[in-house]
Amino acid sequence: MVVEGCPAHEIVPFDKVELTEAIESAPAGASGTVLDLLDDGAAIVEISALPLEPILDRLVFAPVDKLRRIPAAPGKSRGVAA
């Protein structure tokens, strides 16, 4: 899915992302993995790293424009691992 107004900001399933704003009970800056993209422009994100808040629901439904893709480490590809 390409975010409108930002063609280089493509989010696909299994990308690592960071929330740019608080979503549901997850604070801005929480990071996780995109599990799926929904037709309404949202993503299901499994939060894996939470700054300062260890007890939260791990799944959030976040608008894609509220996500920042975390670049893969050099030598690692995006998407599903083989």
Protein backbone atom coordinates (compact mmCIF):
# COMPACT_ATOMS: atom_id res chain seq x y z
CA MET A 1 0.00 0.00 0.00
CA VAL A 2 1.38 3.40 -0.96
CA VAL A 3 0.52 6.26 1.36
CA GLU A 4 -1.06 9.16 -0.55
CA GLY A 5 1.30 12.10 -0.97
CA CYS A 6 4.33 9.98 -0.11
CA PRO A 7 4.98 7.42 -2.87
CA ALA A 8 8.23 6.21 -1.28
CA HIS A 9 6.39 5.28 1.95
CA GLU A 10 5.25 1.79 1.02
CA ILE A 11 4.10 -0.51 3.81
CA VAL A 12 3.70 -4.23 3.11
CA PRO A 13 2.89 -7.19 5.37
CA PHE A 14 5.77 -8.25 7.61
CA ASP A 15 7.45 -4.82 7.49
CA LYS A 16 8.81 -3.55 10.77
CA VAL A 17 7.10 -0.26 11.64
CA GLU A 18 6.94 2.40 14.32
CA LEU A 19 3.81 4.30 15.36
CA THR A 20 4.14 8.03 14.70
CA GLU A 21 1.17 8.76 16.98
CA ALA A 22 -0.53 6.93 19.84
CA ILE A 23 -2.97 4.33 18.49
CA GLU A 24 -5.50 2.73 20.82
CA SER A 25 -3.47 1.90 23.95
CA ALA A 26 -0.06 1.81 22.21
CA PRO A 27 2.01 4.98 22.59
CA ALA A 28 3.77 6.86 19.81
CA GLY A 29 7.15 5.26 19.24
CA ALA A 30 5.96 1.69 19.86
CA SER A 31 7.24 -0.65 17.18
CA GLY A 32 6.08 -3.90 15.73
CA THR A 33 5.33 -5.91 12.61
CA VAL A 34 2.57 -5.40 10.06
CA LEU A 35 0.49 -8.58 9.98
CA ASP A 36 -2.02 -7.52 7.34
CA LEU A 37 -3.32 -4.54 5.38
CA LEU A 38 -7.03 -3.79 5.37
CA ASP A 39 -9.10 -2.31 2.55
CA ASP A 40 -9.93 0.78 4.63
CA GLY A 41 -6.29 1.99 4.69
CA ALA A 42 -5.45 0.50 8.07
CA ALA A 43 -2.88 -2.09 9.06
CA ILE A 44 -3.00 -4.75 11.74
CA VAL A 45 0.23 -4.30 13.69
CA GLU A 46 1.58 -6.67 16.33
CA ILE A 47 3.41 -4.45 18.79
CA SER A 48 6.67 -6.02 19.92
CA ALA A 49 8.61 -3.19 21.53
CA LEU A 50 6.88 -0.75 23.82
CA PRO A 51 8.59 2.28 25.31
CA LEU A 52 7.84 2.48 29.06
CA GLU A 53 4.54 0.55 28.92
CA PRO A 54 5.00 -3.21 29.25
CA ILE A 55 1.32 -4.25 29.59
CA LEU A 56 -0.78 -3.42 26.52
CA ASP A 57 -2.78 -5.28 23.92
CA ARG A 58 -0.30 -6.50 21.35
CA LEU A 59 -2.52 -5.98 18.26
CA VAL A 60 -3.54 -2.53 17.08
CA PHE A 61 -5.44 -1.36 14.01
CA ALA A 62 -3.43 1.62 12.80
CA PRO A 63 -3.99 3.91 9.82
CA VAL A 64 -1.07 3.35 7.45
CA ASP A 65 -0.34 7.08 7.42
CA LYS A 66 0.40 6.84 11.17
CA LEU A 67 3.19 4.29 10.57
CA ARG A 68 6.84 4.76 9.72
CA ARG A 69 8.58 1.81 8.09
CA ILE A 70 11.77 0.82 9.86
CA PRO A 71 14.37 0.03 7.18
CA ALA A 72 15.63 -3.54 7.09
CA ALA A 73 19.16 -4.14 8.26
CA PRO A 74 21.75 -4.21 5.45
CA GLY A 75 21.73 -7.60 3.78
CA LYS A 76 18.19 -8.46 4.93
CA SER A 77 15.23 -8.33 2.59
CA ARG A 78 11.77 -6.96 3.32
CA GLY A 79 8.73 -9.18 3.56
CA VAL A 80 8.38 -12.84 4.37
CA ALA A 81 11.45 -14.78 5.36
CA ALA A 82 12.15 -17.95 3.41
